[in-house]
């Protein structure tokens, strides 16, 4: 199978800032290499996650329902979305009381991994700010480093598809339905199983080639707002890929609940107007809670709705 080219950003190269901005403007998605996250941390967490998902369902359910944190199976969210996926939704603020059901080794692996991925995510956001020529280099990253940052971590496990004939006939079996990520940035790493697709501007879905040594970055809705639509929040989905299980690990970098989100004045050129009215991250999360995956939109918070601008 041929895969289209996904922008590849080498974090060690000086030109990466400009390439990153271009990728965010055109696609809202790119791959990063030379990221500095130790493979030891990646492999250890993957091993612990695989051990967890291989447990009997009755044991996994001891993690509790994902309200907000815990174990979910097939049912996604609270509005009827369904996928061929099981998952753990976890807080990124790990302490002696959080997620004790996972055990010390799993918790240690989580802490090591999340610490490194958060560091990388902040570095990428600061490179974006540099590329946009924003004087305050931490204008985006400070929202993740804030003690009240509402960041979360998710482990998704897609078992082998139960109906191989449908896949052979070209039917799409949904692992995780189409959506955009509402936070500022998503940092994704998966094993070598395929399934991830992103949507282009014309609505075409393209497959993303798996790469277990690299990370993929999604622009989130909040970053789209902060850049007044200059960066595009990417719509994506996961299809069931047949025989091979897929494991993905996603850090969702979110702002504090009370953070007011609006386009940065430093990015407004001339008489350019804001596409969004100001809203808090809490208000946006609340609106998402009451909508299905494919239905949530930033339209509720737009000051106007240009026909060429939607997500």
Protein backbone atom coordinates (compact mmCIF):
# COMPACT_ATOMS: atom_id res chain seq x y z
CA UNK A 1 0.00 0.00 0.00
CA UNK A 2 1.33 3.46 -0.90
CA UNK A 3 1.15 6.17 1.72
CA UNK A 4 1.08 9.89 0.93
CA UNK A 5 3.89 12.00 2.31
CA UNK A 6 3.35 13.28 5.84
CA UNK A 7 5.56 16.26 6.81
CA UNK A 8 8.59 15.06 8.78
CA UNK A 9 10.14 17.57 11.19
CA UNK A 10 13.65 16.94 12.49
CA UNK A 11 13.73 18.73 15.85
CA UNK A 12 17.53 19.00 15.66
CA UNK A 13 17.49 21.12 12.48
CA UNK A 14 17.38 24.94 12.53
CA UNK A 15 14.84 25.09 9.70
CA UNK A 16 12.36 22.94 11.64
CA UNK A 17 10.50 25.98 13.04
CA UNK A 18 9.46 27.25 9.63
CA UNK A 19 8.62 23.75 8.37
CA UNK A 20 6.51 23.19 11.47
CA UNK A 21 4.50 26.37 10.87
CA UNK A 22 3.91 25.37 7.25
CA UNK A 23 2.73 21.89 8.30
CA UNK A 24 0.34 23.38 10.88
CA UNK A 25 -1.10 25.80 8.32
CA UNK A 26 -1.53 23.28 5.52
CA UNK A 27 -2.34 20.02 7.31
CA UNK A 28 -2.47 20.49 11.08
CA UNK A 29 -0.41 17.33 11.42
CA UNK A 30 3.22 16.23 11.17
CA UNK A 31 5.76 13.65 12.33
CA UNK A 32 8.75 14.48 14.52
CA UNK A 33 12.09 12.69 14.58
CA UNK A 34 15.17 13.24 16.75
CA UNK A 35 12.72 14.00 19.54
CA UNK A 36 14.93 13.03 22.46
CA UNK A 37 12.42 10.76 24.20
CA UNK A 38 14.35 7.63 25.32
CA UNK A 39 13.22 4.47 23.54
CA UNK A 40 13.57 2.72 26.89
CA UNK A 41 10.68 4.79 28.27
CA UNK A 42 8.58 4.16 25.17
CA UNK A 43 9.15 0.39 25.16
CA UNK A 44 8.55 0.05 28.90
CA UNK A 45 5.19 1.80 28.78
CA UNK A 46 4.12 -0.15 25.71
CA UNK A 47 4.96 -3.40 27.50
CA UNK A 48 3.01 -2.39 30.61
CA UNK A 49 0.02 -1.30 28.50
CA UNK A 50 0.00 -4.56 26.55
CA UNK A 51 0.10 -6.49 29.82
CA UNK A 52 -2.90 -4.54 31.07
CA UNK A 53 -4.99 -4.97 27.93
CA UNK A 54 -4.24 -8.70 27.84
CA UNK A 55 -5.97 -9.14 31.23
CA UNK A 56 -9.51 -10.57 31.48
CA UNK A 57 -12.18 -7.91 31.09
CA UNK A 58 -13.28 -8.40 34.68
CA UNK A 59 -9.79 -7.43 35.88
CA UNK A 60 -9.57 -4.41 33.57
CA UNK A 61 -12.94 -3.16 34.78
CA UNK A 62 -11.49 -2.84 38.27
CA UNK A 63 -9.98 0.40 36.97
CA UNK A 64 -13.50 1.81 37.08
CA UNK A 65 -15.52 3.66 34.47
CA UNK A 66 -13.83 6.60 32.67
CA UNK A 67 -15.66 9.27 34.71
CA UNK A 68 -13.45 11.00 34.00
CA UNK A 69 -10.55 8.56 34.47
CA UNK A 70 -10.65 4.80 34.14
CA UNK A 71 -11.22 1.94 31.68
CA UNK A 72 -13.59 2.04 28.71
CA UNK A 73 -14.53 -0.61 26.17
CA UNK A 74 -16.19 0.16 22.81
CA UNK A 75 -18.39 2.91 24.20
CA UNK A 76 -16.68 6.28 23.58
CA UNK A 77 -17.90 9.22 25.63
CA UNK A 78 -21.46 9.79 26.78
CA UNK A 79 -23.37 10.43 23.54
CA UNK A 80 -23.57 7.03 21.87
CA UNK A 81 -20.27 6.90 19.96
CA UNK A 82 -19.01 3.35 19.46
CA UNK A 83 -15.73 1.93 18.20
CA UNK A 84 -13.65 -1.24 18.09
CA UNK A 85 -11.41 0.04 20.88
CA UNK A 86 -10.71 -0.34 24.56
CA UNK A 87 -8.86 2.35 26.43
CA UNK A 88 -7.48 3.82 29.61
CA UNK A 89 -8.06 7.52 30.22
CA UNK A 90 -5.61 8.82 32.83
CA UNK A 91 -4.58 12.01 34.56
CA UNK A 92 -1.11 13.37 33.85
CA UNK A 93 -0.77 14.51 37.46
CA UNK A 94 0.53 11.28 38.92
CA UNK A 95 0.92 11.13 42.69
CA UNK A 96 0.72 8.46 45.39
CA UNK A 97 -3.09 8.39 45.16
CA UNK A 98 -3.63 8.39 41.40
CA UNK A 99 -4.34 5.20 39.44
CA UNK A 100 -3.22 2.87 42.23
CA UNK A 101 -5.00 0.02 40.40
CA UNK A 102 -2.22 0.02 37.78
CA UNK A 103 0.54 -1.06 40.13
CA UNK A 104 3.87 0.56 40.91
CA UNK A 105 5.74 -0.59 37.77
CA UNK A 106 3.03 0.64 35.39
CA UNK A 107 2.74 3.94 37.26
CA UNK A 108 6.50 4.41 37.13
CA UNK A 109 6.52 3.82 33.38
CA UNK A 110 3.67 6.29 32.95
CA UNK A 111 5.45 8.96 34.96
CA UNK A 112 8.71 8.60 33.00
CA UNK A 113 6.93 8.66 29.65
CA UNK A 114 4.55 11.54 30.40
CA UNK A 115 7.37 13.68 31.79
CA UNK A 116 9.39 13.28 28.60
CA UNK A 117 6.48 13.70 26.20
CA UNK A 118 5.28 16.82 28.00
CA UNK A 119 8.79 18.25 27.73
CA UNK A 120 8.86 17.52 24.02
CA UNK A 121 5.37 18.95 23.51
CA UNK A 122 6.38 22.19 25.22
CA UNK A 123 9.54 22.37 23.09
CA UNK A 124 7.45 21.96 19.94
CA UNK A 125 5.01 24.68 21.04
CA UNK A 126 7.90 27.05 21.70
CA UNK A 127 9.34 26.29 18.27
CA UNK A 128 5.92 27.09 16.80
CA UNK A 129 5.92 30.43 18.62
CA UNK A 130 9.41 31.15 17.25
CA UNK A 131 8.26 30.23 13.75
CA UNK A 132 5.33 32.62 14.08
CA UNK A 133 7.73 35.32 15.33
CA UNK A 134 5.87 35.71 18.62
CA UNK A 135 7.99 37.59 21.13
CA UNK A 136 6.71 35.62 24.12
CA UNK A 137 8.23 32.25 23.31
CA UNK A 138 6.25 30.36 25.97
CA UNK A 139 2.86 31.83 25.01
CA UNK A 140 1.56 28.33 24.17
CA UNK A 141 3.77 26.09 26.31
CA UNK A 142 2.97 27.94 29.56
CA UNK A 143 -0.58 26.58 29.31
CA UNK A 144 0.81 23.04 29.60
CA UNK A 145 3.31 23.81 32.37
CA UNK A 146 0.72 25.64 34.48
CA UNK A 147 -0.02 23.70 37.68
CA UNK A 148 -3.72 23.78 36.78
CA UNK A 149 -3.19 22.51 33.24
CA UNK A 150 -6.04 20.22 32.22
CA UNK A 151 -3.88 17.75 30.29
CA UNK A 152 -4.84 14.07 30.04
CA UNK A 153 -3.25 10.87 28.81
CA UNK A 154 -4.93 8.09 26.88
CA UNK A 155 -3.94 4.55 25.97
CA UNK A 156 -5.99 3.09 23.10
CA UNK A 157 -5.93 -0.60 22.28
CA UNK A 158 -7.54 -1.80 19.04
CA UNK A 159 -7.84 -5.61 19.04
CA UNK A 160 -7.67 -7.56 15.76
CA UNK A 161 -10.83 -6.99 13.73
CA UNK A 162 -13.52 -9.62 14.45
CA UNK A 163 -14.82 -9.55 10.86
CA UNK A 164 -11.97 -9.91 8.36
CA UNK A 165 -14.36 -10.47 5.42
CA UNK A 166 -15.68 -6.92 5.68
CA UNK A 167 -12.16 -5.52 5.52
CA UNK A 168 -11.36 -7.73 2.52
CA UNK A 169 -14.44 -6.32 0.80
CA UNK A 170 -13.22 -2.78 1.35
CA UNK A 171 -15.67 -1.87 4.12
CA UNK A 172 -14.49 0.56 6.79
CA UNK A 173 -14.84 -0.74 10.33
CA UNK A 174 -14.41 2.14 12.73
CA UNK A 175 -11.96 1.79 15.58
CA UNK A 176 -12.37 5.42 16.68
CA UNK A 177 -14.71 7.75 14.79
CA UNK A 178 -13.76 10.97 13.03
CA UNK A 179 -13.10 13.95 15.29
CA UNK A 180 -10.72 16.77 16.07
CA UNK A 181 -8.86 17.02 19.35
CA UNK A 182 -10.12 19.94 21.45
CA UNK A 183 -6.92 20.62 23.38
CA UNK A 184 -3.91 22.70 22.30
CA UNK A 185 -1.71 19.87 21.04
CA UNK A 186 -1.78 16.07 20.88
CA UNK A 187 1.40 14.01 20.95
CA UNK A 188 0.77 10.54 19.54
CA UNK A 189 2.92 7.46 19.45
CA UNK A 190 1.75 4.03 18.29
CA UNK A 191 3.13 0.59 17.55
CA UNK A 192 3.74 -0.54 14.00
CA UNK A 193 0.08 -1.30 13.24
CA UNK A 194 -1.73 0.86 10.69
CA UNK A 195 -5.20 2.35 10.99
CA UNK A 196 -4.76 6.10 11.57
CA UNK A 197 -6.18 8.39 8.89
CA UNK A 198 -6.34 12.17 8.59
CA UNK A 199 -8.65 14.30 6.49
CA UNK A 200 -7.32 16.72 3.87
CA UNK A 201 -8.88 20.12 3.11
CA UNK A 202 -10.96 18.60 0.30
CA UNK A 203 -12.39 15.95 2.65
CA UNK A 204 -10.22 13.12 1.30
CA UNK A 205 -9.07 10.62 3.92
CA UNK A 206 -5.42 9.55 3.73
CA UNK A 207 -3.65 6.82 5.70
CA UNK A 208 -0.72 7.66 7.97
CA UNK A 209 2.18 5.17 7.78
CA UNK A 210 2.98 3.79 11.23
CA UNK A 211 6.39 4.52 12.75
CA UNK A 212 6.94 3.21 16.26
CA UNK A 213 10.15 5.22 16.77
CA UNK A 214 8.65 8.63 16.02
CA UNK A 215 5.83 10.85 17.27
CA UNK A 216 2.93 12.44 15.42
CA UNK A 217 1.65 15.90 16.36
CA UNK A 218 -1.96 17.05 15.98
CA UNK A 219 -2.97 20.69 16.08
CA UNK A 220 -5.94 20.91 18.46
CA UNK A 221 -8.99 23.17 18.37
CA UNK A 222 -7.59 25.43 21.10
CA UNK A 223 -4.42 26.11 19.11
CA UNK A 224 -6.52 26.86 16.05
CA UNK A 225 -8.35 29.49 18.09
CA UNK A 226 -5.16 30.99 19.54
CA UNK A 227 -3.74 31.41 16.02
CA UNK A 228 -7.07 32.78 14.69
CA UNK A 229 -7.44 29.89 12.28
CA UNK A 230 -3.94 30.14 10.85
CA UNK A 231 -3.18 26.66 12.24
CA UNK A 232 -5.76 24.02 11.37
CA UNK A 233 -7.11 21.48 13.82
CA UNK A 234 -6.86 18.18 11.95
CA UNK A 235 -9.82 15.83 11.62
CA UNK A 236 -8.75 12.20 12.06
CA UNK A 237 -10.04 8.69 12.70
CA UNK A 238 -8.80 5.14 13.25
CA UNK A 239 -9.97 2.19 11.16
CA UNK A 240 -9.76 -1.42 12.27
CA UNK A 241 -6.78 -2.83 10.35
CA UNK A 242 -7.45 -6.56 10.37
CA UNK A 243 -5.09 -9.04 11.98
CA UNK A 244 -2.72 -6.80 13.94
CA UNK A 245 -3.62 -5.13 17.24
CA UNK A 246 -2.89 -1.41 17.42
CA UNK A 247 -1.72 0.34 20.58
CA UNK A 248 -1.58 4.13 20.67
CA UNK A 249 -0.40 6.41 23.47
CA UNK A 250 -1.61 10.01 23.35
CA UNK A 251 -0.68 13.00 25.49
CA UNK A 252 -3.34 15.71 25.18
CA UNK A 253 -1.85 19.04 26.26
CA UNK A 254 -4.68 21.18 27.58
CA UNK A 255 -4.96 24.60 29.24
CA UNK A 256 -6.32 25.26 32.75
CA UNK A 257 -10.12 25.06 32.97
CA UNK A 258 -10.38 28.78 33.72
CA UNK A 259 -8.12 29.80 30.82
CA UNK A 260 -9.75 32.27 28.46
CA UNK A 261 -9.17 31.31 24.83
CA UNK A 262 -9.13 33.90 22.06
CA UNK A 263 -6.84 34.73 19.13
CA UNK A 264 -3.52 36.28 20.12
CA UNK A 265 -3.42 39.98 19.29
CA UNK A 266 0.21 39.60 18.17
CA UNK A 267 -1.00 37.40 15.30
CA UNK A 268 -3.68 39.80 14.09
CA UNK A 269 -2.46 41.65 11.01
CA UNK A 270 -3.72 45.11 10.07
CA UNK A 271 -7.51 45.23 10.31
CA UNK A 272 -7.87 41.48 10.59
CA UNK A 273 -10.73 40.57 12.90
CA UNK A 274 -11.02 37.74 15.38
CA UNK A 275 -12.85 34.68 14.08
CA UNK A 276 -13.75 33.73 17.64
CA UNK A 277 -15.41 35.27 20.63
CA UNK A 278 -13.57 34.66 23.88
CA UNK A 279 -14.48 31.51 25.83
CA UNK A 280 -12.95 29.46 28.60
CA UNK A 281 -11.58 25.96 28.23
CA UNK A 282 -14.24 24.83 30.73
CA UNK A 283 -17.01 26.22 28.51
CA UNK A 284 -15.64 24.44 25.47
CA UNK A 285 -15.23 21.14 27.32
CA UNK A 286 -18.81 21.41 28.54
CA UNK A 287 -20.07 21.88 24.97
CA UNK A 288 -18.09 18.81 23.84
CA UNK A 289 -19.49 16.68 26.66
CA UNK A 290 -22.96 17.05 25.17
CA UNK A 291 -22.05 16.28 21.55
CA UNK A 292 -21.07 13.28 19.48
CA UNK A 293 -17.54 12.87 18.17
CA UNK A 294 -18.22 14.06 14.62
CA UNK A 295 -20.64 16.83 15.66
CA UNK A 296 -18.52 19.04 17.90
CA UNK A 297 -17.43 22.23 16.21
CA UNK A 298 -15.83 25.55 17.05
CA UNK A 299 -18.73 27.19 15.20
CA UNK A 300 -20.47 27.88 18.51
CA UNK A 301 -17.61 30.19 19.43
CA UNK A 302 -17.06 31.85 16.04
CA UNK A 303 -17.96 35.50 15.53
CA UNK A 304 -18.73 34.66 11.91
CA UNK A 305 -18.81 31.48 9.84
CA UNK A 306 -16.89 31.81 6.56
CA UNK A 307 -17.94 28.97 4.25
CA UNK A 308 -14.31 28.08 3.59
CA UNK A 309 -13.48 27.80 7.24
CA UNK A 310 -14.81 24.86 9.22
CA UNK A 311 -13.44 21.81 10.98
